[in-house]
């Protein structure tokens, strides 16, 4: 099953066309894309048996984030060995670094992003999991059954702010306007042949800068959810950025950052792509 946020309304994607959920269900579910996670099990049962009307074509630029207003957005750092190495950090033990990205930075999959002054904005393509059922002290086994689905995220990062001060400012440096694009849709786990082995890529103006597979995560999605839920409840609709593979600009020699006029395309097989165009 694929769901999306089309112009602020919850839709099902069927054969590439959008079916408005509120209208198809005669008001059983609201049009709010975030509200559906509170009734995710009921929604999945309805969608599996509903006689849906024919969908309509849409412009990808009208899509928003499939989780536009999570109560919690947790992001994980250093979760691929090659990225930890290129960043000059030792591998995490017990639990990787965890920070948040503020909700005001969330956007949809096709956007224009204003670069802040300083010329140090970096890219990080990531698999993003959205919680579908509250998780508290859960074991790794069965975690995928509590995940509503996965999508693509870009953890855009302004490195000067992120690394400044007596202690790093990860959340601030990664939460500027437009710095958390997600989409284009949410895909439920059973749609993949192997949900734990997905290829993710990023290109800048057609040049490949990142390529990796989620099988190389140090902490898999089930491991992350299990460890985090031992510390705090993960709520329906919460968002989890799971980390990025090697290839970011910060770790290059010489370092490379995004410039006005460039287009960043982020892809995960079986989900789709994000497109960010950058302006001064």
C-alpha atoms as a PDB file:
ATOM      1  CA  UNK A   1       0.000   0.000   0.000  1.00  0.00           C
ATOM      2  CA  UNK A   2       1.126   3.531  -0.810  1.00  0.00           C
ATOM      3  CA  UNK A   3      -0.217   6.659   0.808  1.00  0.00           C
ATOM      4  CA  UNK A   4       0.665  10.273   0.144  1.00  0.00           C
ATOM      5  CA  UNK A   5      -0.082  13.843   1.115  1.00  0.00           C
ATOM      6  CA  UNK A   6      -1.535  15.591  -1.945  1.00  0.00           C
ATOM      7  CA  UNK A   7      -2.063  19.305  -1.404  1.00  0.00           C
ATOM      8  CA  UNK A   8      -2.632  18.646   2.298  1.00  0.00           C
ATOM      9  CA  UNK A   9      -5.074  15.750   1.803  1.00  0.00           C
ATOM     10  CA  UNK A  10      -4.517  12.065   2.510  1.00  0.00           C
ATOM     11  CA  UNK A  11      -4.589   9.935  -0.641  1.00  0.00           C
ATOM     12  CA  UNK A  12      -3.992   6.338  -1.617  1.00  0.00           C
ATOM     13  CA  UNK A  13      -1.795   5.839  -4.666  1.00  0.00           C
ATOM     14  CA  UNK A  14      -3.171   3.150  -6.957  1.00  0.00           C
ATOM     15  CA  UNK A  15      -1.415   2.477 -10.274  1.00  0.00           C
ATOM     16  CA  UNK A  16       0.187   5.903 -10.077  1.00  0.00           C
ATOM     17  CA  UNK A  17      -3.132   7.725  -9.556  1.00  0.00           C
ATOM     18  CA  UNK A  18      -4.387   9.426  -6.388  1.00  0.00           C
ATOM     19  CA  UNK A  19      -7.579   8.381  -4.580  1.00  0.00           C
ATOM     20  CA  UNK A  20      -8.823  10.862  -1.978  1.00  0.00           C
ATOM     21  CA  UNK A  21      -9.319   8.883   1.252  1.00  0.00           C
ATOM     22  CA  UNK A  22     -11.926  11.120   2.918  1.00  0.00           C
ATOM     23  CA  UNK A  23     -14.144  11.067  -0.161  1.00  0.00           C
ATOM     24  CA  UNK A  24     -13.621   7.372  -0.917  1.00  0.00           C
ATOM     25  CA  UNK A  25     -14.518   6.455   2.658  1.00  0.00           C
ATOM     26  CA  UNK A  26     -17.512   8.800   2.911  1.00  0.00           C
ATOM     27  CA  UNK A  27     -15.850  10.668   5.759  1.00  0.00           C
ATOM     28  CA  UNK A  28     -14.787   7.633   7.778  1.00  0.00           C
ATOM     29  CA  UNK A  29     -11.248   9.016   7.811  1.00  0.00           C
ATOM     30  CA  UNK A  30     -10.350  12.681   7.759  1.00  0.00           C
ATOM     31  CA  UNK A  31      -8.313  14.297   5.006  1.00  0.00           C
ATOM     32  CA  UNK A  32      -5.484  15.104   7.469  1.00  0.00           C
ATOM     33  CA  UNK A  33      -2.420  13.032   6.418  1.00  0.00           C
ATOM     34  CA  UNK A  34      -1.004  13.047   9.960  1.00  0.00           C
ATOM     35  CA  UNK A  35      -4.213  12.018  11.726  1.00  0.00           C
ATOM     36  CA  UNK A  36      -4.421   8.641   9.987  1.00  0.00           C
ATOM     37  CA  UNK A  37      -1.548   7.214  12.054  1.00  0.00           C
ATOM     38  CA  UNK A  38      -3.744   7.330  15.166  1.00  0.00           C
ATOM     39  CA  UNK A  39      -6.044   4.804  13.452  1.00  0.00           C
ATOM     40  CA  UNK A  40      -3.463   3.052  11.297  1.00  0.00           C
ATOM     41  CA  UNK A  41      -4.644  -0.524  11.876  1.00  0.00           C
ATOM     42  CA  UNK A  42      -8.256   0.385  11.140  1.00  0.00           C
ATOM     43  CA  UNK A  43      -7.192   2.350   8.079  1.00  0.00           C
ATOM     44  CA  UNK A  44      -5.142  -0.538   6.693  1.00  0.00           C
ATOM     45  CA  UNK A  45      -8.055  -2.939   7.100  1.00  0.00           C
ATOM     46  CA  UNK A  46     -10.406  -0.544   5.341  1.00  0.00           C
ATOM     47  CA  UNK A  47      -7.981   0.146   2.473  1.00  0.00           C
ATOM     48  CA  UNK A  48      -7.443  -3.579   1.888  1.00  0.00           C
ATOM     49  CA  UNK A  49     -11.142  -4.245   1.243  1.00  0.00           C
ATOM     50  CA  UNK A  50     -12.588  -0.918   0.095  1.00  0.00           C
ATOM     51  CA  UNK A  51     -14.005  -0.510  -3.395  1.00  0.00           C
ATOM     52  CA  UNK A  52     -12.069   2.545  -4.411  1.00  0.00           C
ATOM     53  CA  UNK A  53     -13.082   4.987  -7.120  1.00  0.00           C
ATOM     54  CA  UNK A  54     -10.772   5.626 -10.019  1.00  0.00           C
ATOM     55  CA  UNK A  55      -7.847   7.830  -9.070  1.00  0.00           C
ATOM     56  CA  UNK A  56      -6.737  11.076 -10.664  1.00  0.00           C
ATOM     57  CA  UNK A  57      -3.405  12.173 -12.091  1.00  0.00           C
ATOM     58  CA  UNK A  58      -1.386  14.684 -10.076  1.00  0.00           C
ATOM     59  CA  UNK A  59       1.718  16.842 -10.210  1.00  0.00           C
ATOM     60  CA  UNK A  60       4.535  15.550  -7.922  1.00  0.00           C
ATOM     61  CA  UNK A  61       5.232  19.156  -6.913  1.00  0.00           C
ATOM     62  CA  UNK A  62       1.837  19.152  -5.149  1.00  0.00           C
ATOM     63  CA  UNK A  63       2.906  16.373  -2.782  1.00  0.00           C
ATOM     64  CA  UNK A  64       3.737  17.133   0.833  1.00  0.00           C
ATOM     65  CA  UNK A  65       5.460  15.049   3.450  1.00  0.00           C
ATOM     66  CA  UNK A  66       3.552  11.818   4.241  1.00  0.00           C
ATOM     67  CA  UNK A  67       4.096  12.684   7.924  1.00  0.00           C
ATOM     68  CA  UNK A  68       3.866  16.490   7.942  1.00  0.00           C
ATOM     69  CA  UNK A  69       3.398  17.106  11.687  1.00  0.00           C
ATOM     70  CA  UNK A  70       4.922  14.341  13.826  1.00  0.00           C
ATOM     71  CA  UNK A  71       4.915  14.766  17.587  1.00  0.00           C
ATOM     72  CA  UNK A  72       8.482  13.465  17.625  1.00  0.00           C
ATOM     73  CA  UNK A  73      11.101  13.403  14.874  1.00  0.00           C
ATOM     74  CA  UNK A  74      14.203  11.452  15.862  1.00  0.00           C
ATOM     75  CA  UNK A  75      17.275  11.320  13.650  1.00  0.00           C
ATOM     76  CA  UNK A  76      20.228   8.970  13.974  1.00  0.00           C
ATOM     77  CA  UNK A  77      23.847   9.794  13.202  1.00  0.00           C
ATOM     78  CA  UNK A  78      26.853   7.610  12.307  1.00  0.00           C
ATOM     79  CA  UNK A  79      24.727   4.579  11.477  1.00  0.00           C
ATOM     80  CA  UNK A  80      26.816   3.410   8.507  1.00  0.00           C
ATOM     81  CA  UNK A  81      30.440   2.406   9.088  1.00  0.00           C
ATOM     82  CA  UNK A  82      31.707   4.135   5.955  1.00  0.00           C
ATOM     83  CA  UNK A  83      29.997   7.406   6.916  1.00  0.00           C
ATOM     84  CA  UNK A  84      31.399   7.282  10.458  1.00  0.00           C
ATOM     85  CA  UNK A  85      34.867   6.750   8.979  1.00  0.00           C
ATOM     86  CA  UNK A  86      34.613   9.637   6.500  1.00  0.00           C
ATOM     87  CA  UNK A  87      33.352  11.919   9.277  1.00  0.00           C
ATOM     88  CA  UNK A  88      36.275  11.088  11.554  1.00  0.00           C
ATOM     89  CA  UNK A  89      34.184   9.595  14.354  1.00  0.00           C
ATOM     90  CA  UNK A  90      34.506   6.254  16.112  1.00  0.00           C
ATOM     91  CA  UNK A  91      31.713   3.730  15.696  1.00  0.00           C
ATOM     92  CA  UNK A  92      28.860   4.084  18.202  1.00  0.00           C
ATOM     93  CA  UNK A  93      28.370   1.476  20.914  1.00  0.00           C
ATOM     94  CA  UNK A  94      25.091   0.736  22.618  1.00  0.00           C
ATOM     95  CA  UNK A  95      23.138   3.544  20.928  1.00  0.00           C
ATOM     96  CA  UNK A  96      24.140   5.820  18.050  1.00  0.00           C
ATOM     97  CA  UNK A  97      23.953   9.614  18.347  1.00  0.00           C
ATOM     98  CA  UNK A  98      20.318  10.746  18.304  1.00  0.00           C
ATOM     99  CA  UNK A  99      19.058  14.284  17.675  1.00  0.00           C
ATOM    100  CA  UNK A 100      15.881  15.922  16.421  1.00  0.00           C
ATOM    101  CA  UNK A 101      14.966  17.929  13.356  1.00  0.00           C
ATOM    102  CA  UNK A 102      12.354  20.570  14.142  1.00  0.00           C
ATOM    103  CA  UNK A 103       8.972  20.202  12.476  1.00  0.00           C
ATOM    104  CA  UNK A 104       9.087  23.640  10.843  1.00  0.00           C
ATOM    105  CA  UNK A 105      11.810  22.317   8.524  1.00  0.00           C
ATOM    106  CA  UNK A 106       9.585  19.546   7.082  1.00  0.00           C
ATOM    107  CA  UNK A 107       8.589  19.848   3.423  1.00  0.00           C
ATOM    108  CA  UNK A 108       7.434  17.645   0.595  1.00  0.00           C
ATOM    109  CA  UNK A 109       9.491  15.843  -2.040  1.00  0.00           C
ATOM    110  CA  UNK A 110       9.823  18.536  -4.729  1.00  0.00           C
ATOM    111  CA  UNK A 111      11.001  21.841  -3.304  1.00  0.00           C
ATOM    112  CA  UNK A 112      13.148  24.908  -3.704  1.00  0.00           C
ATOM    113  CA  UNK A 113      15.505  25.473  -0.770  1.00  0.00           C
ATOM    114  CA  UNK A 114      17.158  28.768   0.092  1.00  0.00           C
ATOM    115  CA  UNK A 115      20.781  28.224   1.061  1.00  0.00           C
ATOM    116  CA  UNK A 116      21.935  30.083   4.180  1.00  0.00           C
ATOM    117  CA  UNK A 117      25.047  32.265   3.997  1.00  0.00           C
ATOM    118  CA  UNK A 118      28.369  30.590   4.642  1.00  0.00           C
ATOM    119  CA  UNK A 119      28.301  27.995   1.867  1.00  0.00           C
ATOM    120  CA  UNK A 120      28.368  24.916   4.102  1.00  0.00           C
ATOM    121  CA  UNK A 121      25.063  23.144   3.378  1.00  0.00           C
ATOM    122  CA  UNK A 122      25.507  19.390   2.985  1.00  0.00           C
ATOM    123  CA  UNK A 123      23.345  16.482   1.832  1.00  0.00           C
ATOM    124  CA  UNK A 124      22.435  13.175   3.567  1.00  0.00           C
ATOM    125  CA  UNK A 125      19.981  10.773   1.904  1.00  0.00           C
ATOM    126  CA  UNK A 126      18.211   8.519   4.419  1.00  0.00           C
ATOM    127  CA  UNK A 127      15.580   5.840   4.786  1.00  0.00           C
ATOM    128  CA  UNK A 128      12.821   7.196   7.027  1.00  0.00           C
ATOM    129  CA  UNK A 129      10.451   5.016   9.058  1.00  0.00           C
ATOM    130  CA  UNK A 130       7.082   6.259  10.339  1.00  0.00           C
ATOM    131  CA  UNK A 131       5.665   4.643  13.482  1.00  0.00           C
ATOM    132  CA  UNK A 132       2.206   3.084  13.071  1.00  0.00           C
ATOM    133  CA  UNK A 133       1.662   1.678  16.576  1.00  0.00           C
ATOM    134  CA  UNK A 134       2.972   2.955  19.899  1.00  0.00           C
ATOM    135  CA  UNK A 135       6.280   1.361  20.838  1.00  0.00           C
ATOM    136  CA  UNK A 136       7.453   1.147  24.431  1.00  0.00           C
ATOM    137  CA  UNK A 137      10.034  -1.433  25.567  1.00  0.00           C
ATOM    138  CA  UNK A 138       9.501  -3.495  22.417  1.00  0.00           C
ATOM    139  CA  UNK A 139      11.737  -6.346  21.282  1.00  0.00           C
ATOM    140  CA  UNK A 140      13.317  -6.263  17.829  1.00  0.00           C
ATOM    141  CA  UNK A 141      11.223  -9.221  16.716  1.00  0.00           C
ATOM    142  CA  UNK A 142       7.965  -7.925  15.284  1.00  0.00           C
ATOM    143  CA  UNK A 143       9.003  -4.259  15.043  1.00  0.00           C
ATOM    144  CA  UNK A 144       8.188  -4.071  11.331  1.00  0.00           C
ATOM    145  CA  UNK A 145       4.594  -4.891  12.256  1.00  0.00           C
ATOM    146  CA  UNK A 146       4.517  -1.654  14.265  1.00  0.00           C
ATOM    147  CA  UNK A 147       5.914   0.476  11.429  1.00  0.00           C
ATOM    148  CA  UNK A 148       3.318   2.194   9.236  1.00  0.00           C
ATOM    149  CA  UNK A 149       5.758   2.417   6.358  1.00  0.00           C
ATOM    150  CA  UNK A 150       8.935   3.929   5.006  1.00  0.00           C
ATOM    151  CA  UNK A 151       9.744   6.932   2.868  1.00  0.00           C
ATOM    152  CA  UNK A 152      12.773   8.931   1.696  1.00  0.00           C
ATOM    153  CA  UNK A 153      14.273  11.787   3.670  1.00  0.00           C
ATOM    154  CA  UNK A 154      17.045  14.308   3.139  1.00  0.00           C
ATOM    155  CA  UNK A 155      18.836  15.391   6.286  1.00  0.00           C
ATOM    156  CA  UNK A 156      20.114  18.664   4.858  1.00  0.00           C
ATOM    157  CA  UNK A 157      22.765  20.032   7.181  1.00  0.00           C
ATOM    158  CA  UNK A 158      24.337  23.458   7.596  1.00  0.00           C
ATOM    159  CA  UNK A 159      27.706  22.369   8.949  1.00  0.00           C
ATOM    160  CA  UNK A 160      28.946  25.655  10.437  1.00  0.00           C
ATOM    161  CA  UNK A 161      25.980  25.907  12.817  1.00  0.00           C
ATOM    162  CA  UNK A 162      25.971  22.156  13.413  1.00  0.00           C
ATOM    163  CA  UNK A 163      29.591  22.090  14.589  1.00  0.00           C
ATOM    164  CA  UNK A 164      29.829  25.492  16.292  1.00  0.00           C
ATOM    165  CA  UNK A 165      29.971  26.320  19.986  1.00  0.00           C
ATOM    166  CA  UNK A 166      31.268  24.437  23.007  1.00  0.00           C
ATOM    167  CA  UNK A 167      28.860  21.599  22.124  1.00  0.00           C
ATOM    168  CA  UNK A 168      27.581  20.687  18.629  1.00  0.00           C
ATOM    169  CA  UNK A 169      24.253  22.190  17.544  1.00  0.00           C
ATOM    170  CA  UNK A 170      23.008  19.259  15.464  1.00  0.00           C
ATOM    171  CA  UNK A 171      19.301  20.047  15.717  1.00  0.00           C
ATOM    172  CA  UNK A 172      19.680  23.724  14.807  1.00  0.00           C
ATOM    173  CA  UNK A 173      22.084  23.094  11.942  1.00  0.00           C
ATOM    174  CA  UNK A 174      19.738  20.494  10.462  1.00  0.00           C
ATOM    175  CA  UNK A 175      16.427  22.349  10.891  1.00  0.00           C
ATOM    176  CA  UNK A 176      16.599  25.423   8.710  1.00  0.00           C
ATOM    177  CA  UNK A 177      13.549  26.078   6.484  1.00  0.00           C
ATOM    178  CA  UNK A 178      13.228  23.339   3.879  1.00  0.00           C
ATOM    179  CA  UNK A 179      15.959  21.177   5.431  1.00  0.00           C
ATOM    180  CA  UNK A 180      13.730  18.117   6.035  1.00  0.00           C
ATOM    181  CA  UNK A 181      12.104  17.076   2.747  1.00  0.00           C
ATOM    182  CA  UNK A 182      10.282  13.725   2.863  1.00  0.00           C
ATOM    183  CA  UNK A 183       8.307  11.690   0.356  1.00  0.00           C
ATOM    184  CA  UNK A 184       7.125  11.194  -2.258  1.00  0.00           C
ATOM    185  CA  UNK A 185       4.899   8.622  -0.530  1.00  0.00           C
ATOM    186  CA  UNK A 186       4.755   6.206   2.373  1.00  0.00           C
ATOM    187  CA  UNK A 187       5.188   2.551   1.367  1.00  0.00           C
ATOM    188  CA  UNK A 188       4.115  -0.241   3.713  1.00  0.00           C
ATOM    189  CA  UNK A 189       6.761  -2.863   4.575  1.00  0.00           C
ATOM    190  CA  UNK A 190       5.153  -5.821   2.811  1.00  0.00           C
ATOM    191  CA  UNK A 191       5.545  -4.066  -0.551  1.00  0.00           C
ATOM    192  CA  UNK A 192       9.283  -4.848  -0.549  1.00  0.00           C
ATOM    193  CA  UNK A 193      10.953  -8.177  -1.307  1.00  0.00           C
ATOM    194  CA  UNK A 194      13.423  -7.429   1.524  1.00  0.00           C
ATOM    195  CA  UNK A 195      12.580  -4.399   3.644  1.00  0.00           C
ATOM    196  CA  UNK A 196      16.004  -4.610   5.329  1.00  0.00           C
ATOM    197  CA  UNK A 197      17.976  -4.315   2.078  1.00  0.00           C
ATOM    198  CA  UNK A 198      17.044  -1.225   0.061  1.00  0.00           C
ATOM    199  CA  UNK A 199      19.359   0.768  -2.176  1.00  0.00           C
ATOM    200  CA  UNK A 200      19.560   4.522  -1.609  1.00  0.00           C
ATOM    201  CA  UNK A 201      21.315   7.079  -3.820  1.00  0.00           C
ATOM    202  CA  UNK A 202      21.864  10.807  -4.159  1.00  0.00           C
ATOM    203  CA  UNK A 203      22.972  12.802  -7.194  1.00  0.00           C
ATOM    204  CA  UNK A 204      23.837  16.469  -7.741  1.00  0.00           C
ATOM    205  CA  UNK A 205      23.059  17.642 -11.272  1.00  0.00           C
ATOM    206  CA  UNK A 206      23.243  14.007 -12.381  1.00  0.00           C
ATOM    207  CA  UNK A 207      26.562  13.205 -10.653  1.00  0.00           C
ATOM    208  CA  UNK A 208      26.246  10.353  -8.153  1.00  0.00           C
ATOM    209  CA  UNK A 209      27.503  11.456  -4.732  1.00  0.00           C
ATOM    210  CA  UNK A 210      26.010   8.760  -2.476  1.00  0.00           C
ATOM    211  CA  UNK A 211      25.098   5.119  -2.937  1.00  0.00           C
ATOM    212  CA  UNK A 212      24.472   2.541  -0.244  1.00  0.00           C
ATOM    213  CA  UNK A 213      22.197  -0.216   1.012  1.00  0.00           C
ATOM    214  CA  UNK A 214      20.219  -0.361   4.221  1.00  0.00           C
ATOM    215  CA  UNK A 215      21.573  -3.855   4.922  1.00  0.00           C
ATOM    216  CA  UNK A 216      24.766  -1.998   5.935  1.00  0.00           C
ATOM    217  CA  UNK A 217      23.091  -0.066   8.755  1.00  0.00           C
ATOM    218  CA  UNK A 218      24.962  -0.587  12.022  1.00  0.00           C
ATOM    219  CA  UNK A 219      21.624  -0.465  13.861  1.00  0.00           C
ATOM    220  CA  UNK A 220      18.750  -1.770  11.729  1.00  0.00           C
ATOM    221  CA  UNK A 221      15.306  -0.195  11.906  1.00  0.00           C
ATOM    222  CA  UNK A 222      14.079  -2.892  14.338  1.00  0.00           C
ATOM    223  CA  UNK A 223      17.199  -2.415  16.485  1.00  0.00           C
ATOM    224  CA  UNK A 224      16.752   1.368  16.548  1.00  0.00           C
ATOM    225  CA  UNK A 225      13.073   1.161  17.480  1.00  0.00           C
ATOM    226  CA  UNK A 226      13.773  -1.403  20.189  1.00  0.00           C
ATOM    227  CA  UNK A 227      16.600   0.609  21.764  1.00  0.00           C
ATOM    228  CA  UNK A 228      14.827   3.959  21.526  1.00  0.00           C
ATOM    229  CA  UNK A 229      11.562   2.557  22.896  1.00  0.00           C
ATOM    230  CA  UNK A 230      13.440   1.418  25.991  1.00  0.00           C
ATOM    231  CA  UNK A 231      14.094   5.098  26.729  1.00  0.00           C
ATOM    232  CA  UNK A 232      10.895   6.815  25.604  1.00  0.00           C
ATOM    233  CA  UNK A 233       7.565   5.965  23.959  1.00  0.00           C
ATOM    234  CA  UNK A 234       7.494   6.177  20.177  1.00  0.00           C
ATOM    235  CA  UNK A 235       4.056   7.419  19.178  1.00  0.00           C
ATOM    236  CA  UNK A 236       1.931   6.766  16.076  1.00  0.00           C
ATOM    237  CA  UNK A 237       3.038   9.146  13.352  1.00  0.00           C
ATOM    238  CA  UNK A 238       6.502   9.734  14.839  1.00  0.00           C
ATOM    239  CA  UNK A 239       9.308   9.930  12.296  1.00  0.00           C
ATOM    240  CA  UNK A 240      12.676   8.165  12.470  1.00  0.00           C
ATOM    241  CA  UNK A 241      15.553   9.191  10.179  1.00  0.00           C
ATOM    242  CA  UNK A 242      17.848   6.156  10.199  1.00  0.00           C
ATOM    243  CA  UNK A 243      21.223   7.540   9.065  1.00  0.00           C
ATOM    244  CA  UNK A 244      23.125   8.163   5.848  1.00  0.00           C
ATOM    245  CA  UNK A 245      25.834   6.224   3.969  1.00  0.00           C
ATOM    246  CA  UNK A 246      29.189   7.669   2.907  1.00  0.00           C
ATOM    247  CA  UNK A 247      29.536  10.371   0.288  1.00  0.00           C
ATOM    248  CA  UNK A 248      28.518  13.550   2.100  1.00  0.00           C
ATOM    249  CA  UNK A 249      30.332  16.771   1.288  1.00  0.00           C
ATOM    250  CA  UNK A 250      31.726  17.231   4.804  1.00  0.00           C
ATOM    251  CA  UNK A 251      33.812  14.054   4.499  1.00  0.00           C
ATOM    252  CA  UNK A 252      35.363  14.845   1.107  1.00  0.00           C
ATOM    253  CA  UNK A 253      38.850  16.157   0.401  1.00  0.00           C
ATOM    254  CA  UNK A 254      38.467  18.951  -0.471  1.00  0.00           C
ATOM    255  CA  UNK A 255      35.091  19.436   1.192  1.00  0.00           C
ATOM    256  CA  UNK A 256      32.162  20.083  -1.111  1.00  0.00           C
ATOM    257  CA  UNK A 257      28.860  21.795  -0.368  1.00  0.00           C
ATOM    258  CA  UNK A 258      25.682  22.700  -2.204  1.00  0.00           C
ATOM    259  CA  UNK A 259      25.538  25.791  -4.432  1.00  0.00           C
ATOM    260  CA  UNK A 260      22.713  27.911  -5.874  1.00  0.00           C
ATOM    261  CA  UNK A 261      21.355  26.447  -9.090  1.00  0.00           C
ATOM    262  CA  UNK A 262      22.196  22.838  -8.237  1.00  0.00           C
ATOM    263  CA  UNK A 263      19.563  20.085  -8.063  1.00  0.00           C
ATOM    264  CA  UNK A 264      19.836  17.289  -5.520  1.00  0.00           C
ATOM    265  CA  UNK A 265      17.936  14.086  -6.352  1.00  0.00           C
ATOM    266  CA  UNK A 266      17.551  11.443  -3.632  1.00  0.00           C
ATOM    267  CA  UNK A 267      16.264   7.975  -4.520  1.00  0.00           C
ATOM    268  CA  UNK A 268      15.347   4.754  -2.740  1.00  0.00           C
ATOM    269  CA  UNK A 269      14.302   1.815  -4.882  1.00  0.00           C
ATOM    270  CA  UNK A 270      10.641   0.954  -4.459  1.00  0.00           C
ATOM    271  CA  UNK A 271       9.741   4.345  -2.992  1.00  0.00           C
ATOM    272  CA  UNK A 272      10.603   7.053  -5.530  1.00  0.00           C
ATOM    273  CA  UNK A 273      12.650  10.225  -5.384  1.00  0.00           C
ATOM    274  CA  UNK A 274      13.057  13.654  -3.826  1.00  0.00           C
ATOM    275  CA  UNK A 275      14.113  16.709  -5.868  1.00  0.00           C
ATOM    276  CA  UNK A 276      15.552  19.814  -4.237  1.00  0.00           C
ATOM    277  CA  UNK A 277      16.632  22.865  -6.223  1.00  0.00           C
ATOM    278  CA  UNK A 278      18.820  25.328  -4.338  1.00  0.00           C
ATOM    279  CA  UNK A 279      18.757  29.126  -4.545  1.00  0.00           C
ATOM    280  CA  UNK A 280      20.787  31.886  -2.890  1.00  0.00           C
END
